[in-house]
Amino acid sequence: MEEDKKTELNSEIWKKHHEKEAKGLKKIFIFIFLVIVLTYIVKIA
């Protein structure tokens, strides 16, 4: 019974950590995309 609770708690912690990591990666990709777009615009102008 106690093992089940520990496993459940660990999986919840893992899910939360994974969600935070995914949000961080998404922000990084958006930032890189914006930098590339801005660089492209500056080269054309």
PDB file of N, CA and C in Angstrom:
ATOM      1  N   MET A   1       0.836  -1.195   0.000  1.00  0.00           N
ATOM      2  CA  MET A   1       0.000   0.000   0.000  1.00  0.00           C
ATOM      3  C   MET A   1       0.881   1.259   0.000  1.00  0.00           C
ATOM      4  N   GLU A   2       1.898   1.263   0.855  1.00  0.00           N
ATOM      5  CA  GLU A   2       2.777   2.423   0.945  1.00  0.00           C
ATOM      6  C   GLU A   2       3.588   2.596  -0.332  1.00  0.00           C
ATOM      7  N   GLU A   3       3.976   1.505  -0.959  1.00  0.00           N
ATOM      8  CA  GLU A   3       4.726   1.558  -2.218  1.00  0.00           C
ATOM      9  C   GLU A   3       3.892   2.221  -3.316  1.00  0.00           C
ATOM     10  N   ASP A   4       2.601   1.906  -3.339  1.00  0.00           N
ATOM     11  CA  ASP A   4       1.705   2.504  -4.334  1.00  0.00           C
ATOM     12  C   ASP A   4       1.648   4.024  -4.166  1.00  0.00           C
ATOM     13  N   LYS A   5       1.573   4.468  -2.920  1.00  0.00           N
ATOM     14  CA  LYS A   5       1.534   5.913  -2.659  1.00  0.00           C
ATOM     15  C   LYS A   5       2.828   6.588  -3.112  1.00  0.00           C
ATOM     16  N   LYS A   6       3.961   5.945  -2.817  1.00  0.00           N
ATOM     17  CA  LYS A   6       5.253   6.503  -3.229  1.00  0.00           C
ATOM     18  C   LYS A   6       5.352   6.572  -4.751  1.00  0.00           C
ATOM     19  N   THR A   7       4.915   5.508  -5.402  1.00  0.00           N
ATOM     20  CA  THR A   7       4.966   5.468  -6.867  1.00  0.00           C
ATOM     21  C   THR A   7       4.078   6.552  -7.462  1.00  0.00           C
ATOM     22  N   GLU A   8       2.889   6.716  -6.883  1.00  0.00           N
ATOM     23  CA  GLU A   8       1.951   7.733  -7.367  1.00  0.00           C
ATOM     24  C   GLU A   8       2.530   9.128  -7.171  1.00  0.00           C
ATOM     25  N   LEU A   9       3.127   9.365  -6.004  1.00  0.00           N
ATOM     26  CA  LEU A   9       3.729  10.663  -5.700  1.00  0.00           C
ATOM     27  C   LEU A   9       4.882  10.956  -6.656  1.00  0.00           C
ATOM     28  N   ASN A  10       5.726   9.959  -6.896  1.00  0.00           N
ATOM     29  CA  ASN A  10       6.848  10.129  -7.817  1.00  0.00           C
ATOM     30  C   ASN A  10       6.375  10.437  -9.225  1.00  0.00           C
ATOM     31  N   SER A  11       5.317   9.761  -9.671  1.00  0.00           N
ATOM     32  CA  SER A  11       4.824  10.012 -11.023  1.00  0.00           C
ATOM     33  C   SER A  11       4.245  11.423 -11.140  1.00  0.00           C
ATOM     34  N   GLU A  12       3.586  11.908 -10.071  1.00  0.00           N
ATOM     35  CA  GLU A  12       3.060  13.281 -10.092  1.00  0.00           C
ATOM     36  C   GLU A  12       4.204  14.291 -10.168  1.00  0.00           C
ATOM     37  N   ILE A  13       5.240  14.069  -9.371  1.00  0.00           N
ATOM     38  CA  ILE A  13       6.409  14.968  -9.386  1.00  0.00           C
ATOM     39  C   ILE A  13       7.051  14.948 -10.768  1.00  0.00           C
ATOM     40  N   TRP A  14       7.176  13.760 -11.353  1.00  0.00           N
ATOM     41  CA  TRP A  14       7.782  13.622 -12.677  1.00  0.00           C
ATOM     42  C   TRP A  14       6.967  14.370 -13.726  1.00  0.00           C
ATOM     43  N   LYS A  15       5.628  14.248 -13.654  1.00  0.00           N
ATOM     44  CA  LYS A  15       4.757  14.943 -14.620  1.00  0.00           C
ATOM     45  C   LYS A  15       4.935  16.450 -14.512  1.00  0.00           C
ATOM     46  N   LYS A  16       4.939  16.971 -13.288  1.00  0.00           N
ATOM     47  CA  LYS A  16       5.108  18.415 -13.094  1.00  0.00           C
ATOM     48  C   LYS A  16       6.460  18.882 -13.623  1.00  0.00           C
ATOM     49  N   HIS A  17       7.500  18.117 -13.330  1.00  0.00           N
ATOM     50  CA  HIS A  17       8.844  18.467 -13.809  1.00  0.00           C
ATOM     51  C   HIS A  17       8.886  18.443 -15.329  1.00  0.00           C
ATOM     52  N   HIS A  18       8.262  17.443 -15.923  1.00  0.00           N
ATOM     53  CA  HIS A  18       8.251  17.309 -17.380  1.00  0.00           C
ATOM     54  C   HIS A  18       7.504  18.474 -18.027  1.00  0.00           C
ATOM     55  N   GLU A  19       6.391  18.896 -17.421  1.00  0.00           N
ATOM     56  CA  GLU A  19       5.624  20.035 -17.950  1.00  0.00           C
ATOM     57  C   GLU A  19       6.467  21.311 -17.905  1.00  0.00           C
ATOM     58  N   LYS A  20       7.170  21.532 -16.790  1.00  0.00           N
ATOM     59  CA  LYS A  20       8.027  22.721 -16.680  1.00  0.00           C
ATOM     60  C   LYS A  20       9.128  22.691 -17.725  1.00  0.00           C
ATOM     61  N   GLU A  21       9.710  21.519 -17.918  1.00  0.00           N
ATOM     62  CA  GLU A  21      10.786  21.365 -18.899  1.00  0.00           C
ATOM     63  C   GLU A  21      10.258  21.651 -20.307  1.00  0.00           C
ATOM     64  N   ALA A  22       9.070  21.157 -20.621  1.00  0.00           N
ATOM     65  CA  ALA A  22       8.469  21.375 -21.938  1.00  0.00           C
ATOM     66  C   ALA A  22       8.198  22.862 -22.163  1.00  0.00           C
ATOM     67  N   LYS A  23       7.709  23.540 -21.131  1.00  0.00           N
ATOM     68  CA  LYS A  23       7.454  24.976 -21.260  1.00  0.00           C
ATOM     69  C   LYS A  23       8.757  25.733 -21.502  1.00  0.00           C
ATOM     70  N   GLY A  24       9.814  25.329 -20.813  1.00  0.00           N
ATOM     71  CA  GLY A  24      11.108  25.970 -20.983  1.00  0.00           C
ATOM     72  C   GLY A  24      11.637  25.784 -22.393  1.00  0.00           C
ATOM     73  N   LEU A  25      11.523  24.567 -22.918  1.00  0.00           N
ATOM     74  CA  LEU A  25      11.979  24.292 -24.288  1.00  0.00           C
ATOM     75  C   LEU A  25      11.174  25.096 -25.296  1.00  0.00           C
ATOM     76  N   LYS A  26       9.871  25.199 -25.066  1.00  0.00           N
ATOM     77  CA  LYS A  26       9.005  25.964 -25.969  1.00  0.00           C
ATOM     78  C   LYS A  26       9.451  27.425 -26.009  1.00  0.00           C
ATOM     79  N   LYS A  27       9.750  27.989 -24.844  1.00  0.00           N
ATOM     80  CA  LYS A  27      10.210  29.382 -24.790  1.00  0.00           C
ATOM     81  C   LYS A  27      11.528  29.553 -25.537  1.00  0.00           C
ATOM     82  N   ILE A  28      12.433  28.597 -25.389  1.00  0.00           N
ATOM     83  CA  ILE A  28      13.726  28.672 -26.072  1.00  0.00           C
ATOM     84  C   ILE A  28      13.537  28.626 -27.582  1.00  0.00           C
ATOM     85  N   PHE A  29      12.686  27.711 -28.069  1.00  0.00           N
ATOM     86  CA  PHE A  29      12.450  27.622 -29.510  1.00  0.00           C
ATOM     87  C   PHE A  29      11.802  28.890 -30.062  1.00  0.00           C
ATOM     88  N   ILE A  30      10.862  29.451 -29.330  1.00  0.00           N
ATOM     89  CA  ILE A  30      10.225  30.707 -29.767  1.00  0.00           C
ATOM     90  C   ILE A  30      11.260  31.817 -29.833  1.00  0.00           C
ATOM     91  N   PHE A  31      12.126  31.899 -28.823  1.00  0.00           N
ATOM     92  CA  PHE A  31      13.168  32.924 -28.785  1.00  0.00           C
ATOM     93  C   PHE A  31      14.112  32.786 -29.981  1.00  0.00           C
ATOM     94  N   ILE A  32      14.560  31.554 -30.260  1.00  0.00           N
ATOM     95  CA  ILE A  32      15.458  31.317 -31.396  1.00  0.00           C
ATOM     96  C   ILE A  32      14.770  31.697 -32.705  1.00  0.00           C
ATOM     97  N   PHE A  33      13.500  31.307 -32.837  1.00  0.00           N
ATOM     98  CA  PHE A  33      12.738  31.645 -34.044  1.00  0.00           C
ATOM     99  C   PHE A  33      12.661  33.157 -34.233  1.00  0.00           C
ATOM    100  N   LEU A  34      12.366  33.882 -33.161  1.00  0.00           N
ATOM    101  CA  LEU A  34      12.272  35.343 -33.268  1.00  0.00           C
ATOM    102  C   LEU A  34      13.614  35.963 -33.634  1.00  0.00           C
ATOM    103  N   VAL A  35      14.694  35.463 -33.079  1.00  0.00           N
ATOM    104  CA  VAL A  35      16.026  35.977 -33.415  1.00  0.00           C
ATOM    105  C   VAL A  35      16.315  35.758 -34.900  1.00  0.00           C
ATOM    106  N   ILE A  36      15.983  34.584 -35.419  1.00  0.00           N
ATOM    107  CA  ILE A  36      16.211  34.291 -36.841  1.00  0.00           C
ATOM    108  C   ILE A  36      15.378  35.220 -37.720  1.00  0.00           C
ATOM    109  N   VAL A  37      14.103  35.398 -37.347  1.00  0.00           N
ATOM    110  CA  VAL A  37      13.229  36.289 -38.126  1.00  0.00           C
ATOM    111  C   VAL A  37      13.763  37.718 -38.102  1.00  0.00           C
ATOM    112  N   LEU A  38      14.163  38.208 -36.944  1.00  0.00           N
ATOM    113  CA  LEU A  38      14.698  39.574 -36.845  1.00  0.00           C
ATOM    114  C   LEU A  38      15.981  39.727 -37.656  1.00  0.00           C
ATOM    115  N   THR A  39      16.843  38.722 -37.616  1.00  0.00           N
ATOM    116  CA  THR A  39      18.083  38.756 -38.398  1.00  0.00           C
ATOM    117  C   THR A  39      17.757  38.821 -39.889  1.00  0.00           C
ATOM    118  N   TYR A  40      16.781  38.046 -40.317  1.00  0.00           N
ATOM    119  CA  TYR A  40      16.362  38.034 -41.714  1.00  0.00           C
ATOM    120  C   TYR A  40      15.831  39.387 -42.150  1.00  0.00           C
ATOM    121  N   ILE A  41      15.008  40.002 -41.277  1.00  0.00           N
ATOM    122  CA  ILE A  41      14.440  41.321 -41.587  1.00  0.00           C
ATOM    123  C   ILE A  41      15.541  42.361 -41.674  1.00  0.00           C
ATOM    124  N   VAL A  42      16.496  42.334 -40.785  1.00  0.00           N
ATOM    125  CA  VAL A  42      17.587  43.310 -40.785  1.00  0.00           C
ATOM    126  C   VAL A  42      18.438  43.155 -42.037  1.00  0.00           C
ATOM    127  N   LYS A  43      18.688  41.928 -42.487  1.00  0.00           N
ATOM    128  CA  LYS A  43      19.495  41.711 -43.689  1.00  0.00           C
ATOM    129  C   LYS A  43      18.797  42.254 -44.936  1.00  0.00           C
ATOM    130  N   ILE A  44      17.472  42.137 -44.996  1.00  0.00           N
ATOM    131  CA  ILE A  44      16.708  42.627 -46.156  1.00  0.00           C
ATOM    132  C   ILE A  44      16.703  44.160 -46.165  1.00  0.00           C
ATOM    133  N   ALA A  45      16.534  44.780 -45.022  1.00  0.00           N
ATOM    134  CA  ALA A  45      16.404  46.238 -44.924  1.00  0.00           C
ATOM    135  C   ALA A  45      17.687  46.975 -45.207  1.00  0.00           C
TER     136      ALA A  45
END
